[in-house]
């Protein structure tokens, strides 16, 4: 029981640092967990200057959490097995509510990042 409590403490630490915990099935059938930093740095790297002018500096955004139902398995026919579609909500430095969406692959990398005003 102590091992379970220690594991839950470690999971809480991960979530408190805005990291995503990804579980994948290994060849042994056991679950393997990987921690990935929150993709805000990758989102910022992929924003155009006009997007930064419109939405502000991502370093000044506040994370509001995942949109209901997110993450969810990607349904695109060209998405590799295990790919997740992630929708997140942010408050910009201007007070606008933004939505970010992207694909997260099993290796933790992300792709197809899009930022828009929340609907």
Protein backbone atom coordinates (compact mmCIF):
# COMPACT_ATOMS: atom_id res chain seq x y z
CA UNK A 1 0.00 0.00 0.00
CA UNK A 2 2.91 2.33 0.70
CA UNK A 3 4.10 1.94 -2.93
CA UNK A 4 0.69 3.06 -4.21
CA UNK A 5 0.75 6.11 -1.92
CA UNK A 6 4.26 7.02 -3.08
CA UNK A 7 3.19 6.65 -6.72
CA UNK A 8 0.20 8.95 -6.18
CA UNK A 9 2.47 11.55 -4.58
CA UNK A 10 4.78 11.41 -7.61
CA UNK A 11 1.83 11.74 -10.00
CA UNK A 12 0.60 14.78 -8.05
CA UNK A 13 4.05 16.35 -8.31
CA UNK A 14 4.04 15.83 -12.08
CA UNK A 15 0.60 17.36 -12.51
CA UNK A 16 1.53 20.29 -10.28
CA UNK A 17 4.37 21.14 -12.63
CA UNK A 18 2.07 21.37 -15.69
CA UNK A 19 3.42 18.19 -17.16
CA UNK A 20 1.41 15.54 -18.93
CA UNK A 21 1.56 11.93 -17.80
CA UNK A 22 1.36 9.57 -20.77
CA UNK A 23 0.74 5.85 -20.34
CA UNK A 24 1.61 3.34 -23.02
CA UNK A 25 1.48 -0.44 -23.20
CA UNK A 26 4.91 -2.01 -23.43
CA UNK A 27 5.70 -5.37 -25.01
CA UNK A 28 5.47 -6.97 -21.56
CA UNK A 29 1.87 -5.87 -21.18
CA UNK A 30 2.74 -3.59 -18.25
CA UNK A 31 1.96 0.08 -18.29
CA UNK A 32 4.87 2.44 -18.81
CA UNK A 33 4.49 6.08 -17.80
CA UNK A 34 6.40 8.97 -19.33
CA UNK A 35 6.33 12.58 -18.20
CA UNK A 36 6.32 15.28 -20.85
CA UNK A 37 6.65 18.98 -20.22
CA UNK A 38 3.62 21.03 -21.09
CA UNK A 39 3.88 22.11 -24.73
CA UNK A 40 3.56 25.87 -24.15
CA UNK A 41 7.18 26.34 -25.25
CA UNK A 42 6.47 24.40 -28.45
CA UNK A 43 3.29 26.40 -29.00
CA UNK A 44 5.27 29.62 -28.62
CA UNK A 45 7.96 28.41 -31.04
CA UNK A 46 5.32 27.70 -33.68
CA UNK A 47 3.41 30.97 -33.42
CA UNK A 48 3.81 33.60 -36.11
CA UNK A 49 4.55 37.22 -35.26
CA UNK A 50 1.01 38.17 -36.23
CA UNK A 51 -0.37 35.54 -33.80
CA UNK A 52 1.86 36.91 -31.02
CA UNK A 53 0.58 40.43 -31.82
CA UNK A 54 -3.02 39.16 -31.70
CA UNK A 55 -2.83 36.82 -28.68
CA UNK A 56 0.14 38.17 -26.72
CA UNK A 57 3.21 36.43 -25.35
CA UNK A 58 2.43 32.76 -24.51
CA UNK A 59 4.81 33.09 -21.57
CA UNK A 60 2.23 35.42 -20.00
CA UNK A 61 -0.78 33.16 -20.60
CA UNK A 62 -2.58 31.37 -17.76
CA UNK A 63 -3.46 27.71 -18.25
CA UNK A 64 -7.20 27.09 -17.66
CA UNK A 65 -7.14 23.32 -18.22
CA UNK A 66 -8.21 20.92 -20.91
CA UNK A 67 -11.47 21.41 -22.75
CA UNK A 68 -14.12 18.87 -21.70
CA UNK A 69 -13.48 15.49 -23.34
CA UNK A 70 -9.83 16.22 -24.06
CA UNK A 71 -7.52 14.53 -24.72
CA UNK A 72 -9.26 12.09 -27.04
CA UNK A 73 -8.00 9.53 -29.55
CA UNK A 74 -7.26 11.16 -32.90
CA UNK A 75 -9.69 9.97 -35.57
CA UNK A 76 -7.76 11.13 -38.65
CA UNK A 77 -7.00 8.22 -40.95
CA UNK A 78 -3.38 9.36 -41.26
CA UNK A 79 -2.81 9.64 -37.47
CA UNK A 80 -0.55 6.89 -36.08
CA UNK A 81 -2.15 4.53 -33.55
CA UNK A 82 -2.16 6.02 -30.06
CA UNK A 83 -2.20 9.64 -31.24
CA UNK A 84 -4.24 11.98 -29.07
CA UNK A 85 -6.01 15.18 -30.09
CA UNK A 86 -5.63 17.70 -27.26
CA UNK A 87 -7.75 20.81 -26.73
CA UNK A 88 -6.67 23.26 -24.03
CA UNK A 89 -7.96 26.59 -22.76
CA UNK A 90 -5.76 29.56 -21.88
CA UNK A 91 -6.28 33.16 -20.74
CA UNK A 92 -4.13 35.53 -22.77
CA UNK A 93 -2.29 38.44 -21.24
CA UNK A 94 -5.09 40.60 -22.73
CA UNK A 95 -7.79 38.64 -20.85
CA UNK A 96 -9.06 36.76 -23.91
CA UNK A 97 -9.91 33.05 -23.60
CA UNK A 98 -7.89 31.09 -26.14
CA UNK A 99 -8.08 27.52 -27.30
CA UNK A 100 -5.04 25.56 -28.36
CA UNK A 101 -5.31 22.25 -30.13
CA UNK A 102 -2.64 19.86 -31.29
CA UNK A 103 -1.79 16.20 -31.79
CA UNK A 104 0.31 14.42 -29.14
CA UNK A 105 2.09 11.27 -30.30
CA UNK A 106 3.09 8.29 -28.15
CA UNK A 107 6.68 9.54 -27.97
CA UNK A 108 5.43 12.79 -26.38
CA UNK A 109 6.08 15.00 -29.40
CA UNK A 110 3.33 17.32 -30.61
CA UNK A 111 2.33 18.54 -34.07
CA UNK A 112 -0.29 20.53 -35.98
CA UNK A 113 -0.53 23.25 -33.32
CA UNK A 114 -3.33 25.77 -33.76
CA UNK A 115 -4.34 28.70 -31.52
CA UNK A 116 -7.69 30.49 -31.81
CA UNK A 117 -10.20 32.45 -29.75
CA UNK A 118 -12.31 30.00 -27.73
CA UNK A 119 -15.75 29.23 -29.06
